[in-house]
Amino acid sequence: MATPDFIRDLRTGIGHQLLWLPGVSAVVFDDRGRVLLGRRADSGMWSIIGGIPEPGEQPAETAVREVFEETAVHVVPERVILVEALQRVRYPNGDVCQFMDTSLRCRAVGGEAVVNDDESLEVGWFALDALPELEEFAVARIKMASDEGPAWFAGIEQA
């Protein structure tokens, strides 16, 4: 994930200290029920698409923007599937971040899945029974987005 300018500006004042940041991830399905994945340039792993909202940007707007920027696919967000505080991460340069991730189920409405920036090595559509190796983060979100039930929030019991 490319570092937004506003975060680089913050880092000039706080160094590598912990930054608590919003994050948005999108589980995108096409009309054939396949899920859109990108193979990340930073880790080489396949994952769902995500990123950091710009200041003032709503999570649904972030999902639409990030999916298009990374894959050239146009999407419509359909529902929130999870809001979850993730574990702290330390990047190779020493920066420490922790994200509050809002995950959205999205529907593809246009565009052709191609690598559209330098954050992905590959992008593609995958049948749910033919997914590549994924981190648990992505597996859990794909499973939740596949369910037709209501949205839920980590840490709160469902009624």
C-alpha atoms as a PDB file:
ATOM      1  CA  MET A   1       0.000   0.000   0.000  1.00  0.00           C
ATOM      2  CA  ALA A   2       1.498   3.336  -1.006  1.00  0.00           C
ATOM      3  CA  THR A   3       1.858   5.772   1.876  1.00  0.00           C
ATOM      4  CA  PRO A   4      -0.480   8.773   1.483  1.00  0.00           C
ATOM      5  CA  ASP A   5       1.110  12.229   1.630  1.00  0.00           C
ATOM      6  CA  PHE A   6      -0.737  13.182   4.829  1.00  0.00           C
ATOM      7  CA  ILE A   7       0.848  10.218   6.640  1.00  0.00           C
ATOM      8  CA  ARG A   8       4.327  11.084   5.342  1.00  0.00           C
ATOM      9  CA  ASP A   9       3.749  14.618   6.679  1.00  0.00           C
ATOM     10  CA  LEU A  10       2.744  13.232  10.105  1.00  0.00           C
ATOM     11  CA  ARG A  11       5.807  10.983  10.188  1.00  0.00           C
ATOM     12  CA  THR A  12       8.133  13.983   9.812  1.00  0.00           C
ATOM     13  CA  GLY A  13       6.941  15.117  13.246  1.00  0.00           C
ATOM     14  CA  ILE A  14       6.415  11.849  15.115  1.00  0.00           C
ATOM     15  CA  GLY A  15       9.002   9.566  13.592  1.00  0.00           C
ATOM     16  CA  HIS A  16       8.199   5.860  13.834  1.00  0.00           C
ATOM     17  CA  GLN A  17       5.723   6.145  16.755  1.00  0.00           C
ATOM     18  CA  LEU A  18       2.439   4.238  16.623  1.00  0.00           C
ATOM     19  CA  LEU A  19      -0.154   5.736  14.284  1.00  0.00           C
ATOM     20  CA  TRP A  20      -3.785   4.654  14.749  1.00  0.00           C
ATOM     21  CA  LEU A  21      -5.321   4.794  11.280  1.00  0.00           C
ATOM     22  CA  PRO A  22      -8.530   3.944   9.481  1.00  0.00           C
ATOM     23  CA  GLY A  23      -8.325   1.279   6.801  1.00  0.00           C
ATOM     24  CA  VAL A  24     -10.852   0.004   4.280  1.00  0.00           C
ATOM     25  CA  SER A  25     -10.906  -3.374   2.577  1.00  0.00           C
ATOM     26  CA  ALA A  26     -13.195  -4.438  -0.259  1.00  0.00           C
ATOM     27  CA  VAL A  27     -14.414  -7.935  -1.068  1.00  0.00           C
ATOM     28  CA  VAL A  28     -15.494  -7.554  -4.684  1.00  0.00           C
ATOM     29  CA  PHE A  29     -17.695 -10.076  -6.484  1.00  0.00           C
ATOM     30  CA  ASP A  30     -18.556 -10.199 -10.166  1.00  0.00           C
ATOM     31  CA  ASP A  31     -21.830 -11.455 -11.672  1.00  0.00           C
ATOM     32  CA  ARG A  32     -20.382 -14.996 -11.812  1.00  0.00           C
ATOM     33  CA  GLY A  33     -19.708 -15.072  -8.052  1.00  0.00           C
ATOM     34  CA  ARG A  34     -15.938 -14.777  -8.427  1.00  0.00           C
ATOM     35  CA  VAL A  35     -13.884 -12.637  -6.055  1.00  0.00           C
ATOM     36  CA  LEU A  36     -11.354 -10.018  -7.161  1.00  0.00           C
ATOM     37  CA  LEU A  37      -7.869 -10.393  -5.683  1.00  0.00           C
ATOM     38  CA  GLY A  38      -4.566  -8.619  -6.082  1.00  0.00           C
ATOM     39  CA  ARG A  39      -1.096 -10.038  -5.498  1.00  0.00           C
ATOM     40  CA  ARG A  40       0.557  -7.361  -3.366  1.00  0.00           C
ATOM     41  CA  ALA A  41       3.878  -5.874  -4.456  1.00  0.00           C
ATOM     42  CA  ASP A  42       5.038  -5.440  -0.845  1.00  0.00           C
ATOM     43  CA  SER A  43       4.498  -9.035   0.337  1.00  0.00           C
ATOM     44  CA  GLY A  44       3.934 -11.066  -2.836  1.00  0.00           C
ATOM     45  CA  MET A  45       0.755 -12.488  -1.234  1.00  0.00           C
ATOM     46  CA  TRP A  46      -2.698 -12.543  -2.811  1.00  0.00           C
ATOM     47  CA  SER A  47      -5.273 -10.481  -0.918  1.00  0.00           C
ATOM     48  CA  ILE A  48      -8.470  -8.527  -1.167  1.00  0.00           C
ATOM     49  CA  ILE A  49      -8.140  -4.885  -2.189  1.00  0.00           C
ATOM     50  CA  GLY A  50      -7.775  -2.176   0.430  1.00  0.00           C
ATOM     51  CA  GLY A  51      -6.221   1.060   1.486  1.00  0.00           C
ATOM     52  CA  ILE A  52      -6.285   4.139   3.688  1.00  0.00           C
ATOM     53  CA  PRO A  53      -9.015   6.780   3.385  1.00  0.00           C
ATOM     54  CA  GLU A  54      -7.964  10.279   2.457  1.00  0.00           C
ATOM     55  CA  PRO A  55      -8.874  12.846   5.154  1.00  0.00           C
ATOM     56  CA  GLY A  56     -12.672  13.323   5.109  1.00  0.00           C
ATOM     57  CA  GLU A  57     -13.296  10.406   2.736  1.00  0.00           C
ATOM     58  CA  GLN A  58     -16.090   7.982   3.652  1.00  0.00           C
ATOM     59  CA  PRO A  59     -15.263   4.226   3.791  1.00  0.00           C
ATOM     60  CA  ALA A  60     -17.500   3.408   0.795  1.00  0.00           C
ATOM     61  CA  GLU A  61     -15.781   6.134  -1.249  1.00  0.00           C
ATOM     62  CA  THR A  62     -12.404   4.704  -0.244  1.00  0.00           C
ATOM     63  CA  ALA A  63     -13.431   1.213  -1.393  1.00  0.00           C
ATOM     64  CA  VAL A  64     -14.563   2.525  -4.792  1.00  0.00           C
ATOM     65  CA  ARG A  65     -11.373   4.575  -5.238  1.00  0.00           C
ATOM     66  CA  GLU A  66      -8.925   1.911  -4.046  1.00  0.00           C
ATOM     67  CA  VAL A  67     -10.438  -0.874  -6.143  1.00  0.00           C
ATOM     68  CA  PHE A  68     -10.306   1.296  -9.262  1.00  0.00           C
ATOM     69  CA  GLU A  69      -6.797   2.618  -8.549  1.00  0.00           C
ATOM     70  CA  GLU A  70      -5.407  -0.885  -8.036  1.00  0.00           C
ATOM     71  CA  THR A  71      -7.438  -2.941 -10.538  1.00  0.00           C
ATOM     72  CA  ALA A  72      -9.323  -0.615 -12.964  1.00  0.00           C
ATOM     73  CA  VAL A  73     -12.585  -2.285 -11.866  1.00  0.00           C
ATOM     74  CA  HIS A  74     -15.592  -0.089 -11.042  1.00  0.00           C
ATOM     75  CA  VAL A  75     -17.571  -1.205  -7.987  1.00  0.00           C
ATOM     76  CA  VAL A  76     -20.672  -0.392  -5.979  1.00  0.00           C
ATOM     77  CA  PRO A  77     -20.429  -1.018  -2.222  1.00  0.00           C
ATOM     78  CA  GLU A  78     -23.333  -3.165  -0.998  1.00  0.00           C
ATOM     79  CA  ARG A  79     -22.857  -3.566   2.745  1.00  0.00           C
ATOM     80  CA  VAL A  80     -20.459  -3.450   5.659  1.00  0.00           C
ATOM     81  CA  ILE A  81     -19.289  -6.953   6.558  1.00  0.00           C
ATOM     82  CA  LEU A  82     -16.914  -6.227   9.435  1.00  0.00           C
ATOM     83  CA  VAL A  83     -15.395  -3.447  11.518  1.00  0.00           C
ATOM     84  CA  GLU A  84     -12.300  -4.667  13.339  1.00  0.00           C
ATOM     85  CA  ALA A  85      -9.211  -3.330  15.084  1.00  0.00           C
ATOM     86  CA  LEU A  86      -6.230  -5.132  13.567  1.00  0.00           C
ATOM     87  CA  GLN A  87      -2.955  -6.057  15.235  1.00  0.00           C
ATOM     88  CA  ARG A  88      -0.107  -3.542  15.226  1.00  0.00           C
ATOM     89  CA  VAL A  89       2.232  -3.815  12.287  1.00  0.00           C
ATOM     90  CA  ARG A  90       5.863  -2.706  12.090  1.00  0.00           C
ATOM     91  CA  TYR A  91       7.060  -1.929   8.588  1.00  0.00           C
ATOM     92  CA  PRO A  92      10.646  -2.554   7.422  1.00  0.00           C
ATOM     93  CA  ASN A  93      11.427   1.178   7.754  1.00  0.00           C
ATOM     94  CA  GLY A  94      10.452   1.057  11.473  1.00  0.00           C
ATOM     95  CA  ASP A  95       7.058   2.763  11.196  1.00  0.00           C
ATOM     96  CA  VAL A  96       4.397   1.297  13.512  1.00  0.00           C
ATOM     97  CA  CYS A  97       0.695   1.428  12.620  1.00  0.00           C
ATOM     98  CA  GLN A  98      -2.536  -0.081  13.836  1.00  0.00           C
ATOM     99  CA  PHE A  99      -5.623  -0.021  11.638  1.00  0.00           C
ATOM    100  CA  MET A 100      -9.341   0.065  12.354  1.00  0.00           C
ATOM    101  CA  ASP A 101     -10.487  -1.817   9.260  1.00  0.00           C
ATOM    102  CA  THR A 102     -13.930  -1.364   7.751  1.00  0.00           C
ATOM    103  CA  SER A 103     -14.573  -4.217   5.319  1.00  0.00           C
ATOM    104  CA  LEU A 104     -17.206  -3.845   2.625  1.00  0.00           C
ATOM    105  CA  ARG A 105     -18.844  -6.281   0.238  1.00  0.00           C
ATOM    106  CA  CYS A 106     -18.816  -4.710  -3.234  1.00  0.00           C
ATOM    107  CA  ARG A 107     -20.282  -5.609  -6.614  1.00  0.00           C
ATOM    108  CA  ALA A 108     -18.292  -5.083  -9.820  1.00  0.00           C
ATOM    109  CA  VAL A 109     -20.185  -2.952 -12.341  1.00  0.00           C
ATOM    110  CA  GLY A 110     -17.562  -2.310 -15.018  1.00  0.00           C
ATOM    111  CA  GLY A 111     -13.944  -2.125 -16.024  1.00  0.00           C
ATOM    112  CA  GLU A 112     -11.440  -4.842 -16.804  1.00  0.00           C
ATOM    113  CA  ALA A 113      -9.302  -6.349 -14.036  1.00  0.00           C
ATOM    114  CA  VAL A 114      -5.721  -5.277 -14.770  1.00  0.00           C
ATOM    115  CA  VAL A 115      -2.771  -4.107 -12.702  1.00  0.00           C
ATOM    116  CA  ASN A 116      -3.505  -0.382 -12.545  1.00  0.00           C
ATOM    117  CA  ASP A 117      -0.748   0.899 -10.204  1.00  0.00           C
ATOM    118  CA  ASP A 118       2.513  -0.153  -8.569  1.00  0.00           C
ATOM    119  CA  GLU A 119       0.868  -1.724  -5.480  1.00  0.00           C
ATOM    120  CA  SER A 120      -0.022  -4.999  -7.229  1.00  0.00           C
ATOM    121  CA  LEU A 121       2.002  -7.547  -9.172  1.00  0.00           C
ATOM    122  CA  GLU A 122      -1.095  -9.291 -10.553  1.00  0.00           C
ATOM    123  CA  VAL A 123      -4.872  -8.980 -10.266  1.00  0.00           C
ATOM    124  CA  GLY A 124      -7.570 -11.446 -11.193  1.00  0.00           C
ATOM    125  CA  TRP A 125     -10.950 -13.035 -10.580  1.00  0.00           C
ATOM    126  CA  PHE A 126     -11.099 -16.298  -8.636  1.00  0.00           C
ATOM    127  CA  ALA A 127     -13.872 -18.813  -8.050  1.00  0.00           C
ATOM    128  CA  LEU A 128     -14.461 -19.366  -4.344  1.00  0.00           C
ATOM    129  CA  ASP A 129     -13.454 -23.007  -4.700  1.00  0.00           C
ATOM    130  CA  ALA A 130     -10.194 -22.097  -6.477  1.00  0.00           C
ATOM    131  CA  LEU A 131      -8.651 -19.357  -4.353  1.00  0.00           C
ATOM    132  CA  PRO A 132      -4.866 -18.935  -4.221  1.00  0.00           C
ATOM    133  CA  GLU A 133      -3.058 -19.054  -0.874  1.00  0.00           C
ATOM    134  CA  LEU A 134      -4.361 -16.127   1.193  1.00  0.00           C
ATOM    135  CA  GLU A 135      -3.681 -14.629   4.597  1.00  0.00           C
ATOM    136  CA  GLU A 136      -6.369 -15.366   7.219  1.00  0.00           C
ATOM    137  CA  PHE A 137      -7.380 -11.670   7.052  1.00  0.00           C
ATOM    138  CA  ALA A 138      -8.601 -12.130   3.468  1.00  0.00           C
ATOM    139  CA  VAL A 139     -10.049 -15.623   3.962  1.00  0.00           C
ATOM    140  CA  ALA A 140     -12.236 -14.476   6.861  1.00  0.00           C
ATOM    141  CA  ARG A 141     -13.545 -11.452   4.980  1.00  0.00           C
ATOM    142  CA  ILE A 142     -14.320 -13.416   1.827  1.00  0.00           C
ATOM    143  CA  LYS A 143     -16.266 -15.927   3.916  1.00  0.00           C
ATOM    144  CA  MET A 144     -18.237 -13.171   5.680  1.00  0.00           C
ATOM    145  CA  ALA A 145     -18.946 -11.379   2.404  1.00  0.00           C
ATOM    146  CA  SER A 146     -20.179 -14.647   0.856  1.00  0.00           C
ATOM    147  CA  ASP A 147     -22.787 -15.064   3.593  1.00  0.00           C
ATOM    148  CA  GLU A 148     -26.075 -13.321   2.936  1.00  0.00           C
ATOM    149  CA  GLY A 149     -26.650 -12.599   6.629  1.00  0.00           C
ATOM    150  CA  PRO A 150     -26.572  -9.193   8.300  1.00  0.00           C
ATOM    151  CA  ALA A 151     -23.420  -7.212   8.864  1.00  0.00           C
ATOM    152  CA  TRP A 152     -21.759  -7.717  12.263  1.00  0.00           C
ATOM    153  CA  PHE A 153     -19.054  -6.112  14.282  1.00  0.00           C
ATOM    154  CA  ALA A 154     -16.160  -7.848  16.043  1.00  0.00           C
ATOM    155  CA  GLY A 155     -16.493  -7.856  19.807  1.00  0.00           C
ATOM    156  CA  ILE A 156     -20.285  -7.539  19.863  1.00  0.00           C
ATOM    157  CA  GLU A 157     -22.525 -10.574  20.287  1.00  0.00           C
ATOM    158  CA  GLN A 158     -25.063 -11.136  17.528  1.00  0.00           C
ATOM    159  CA  ALA A 159     -28.704 -11.284  18.617  1.00  0.00           C
END
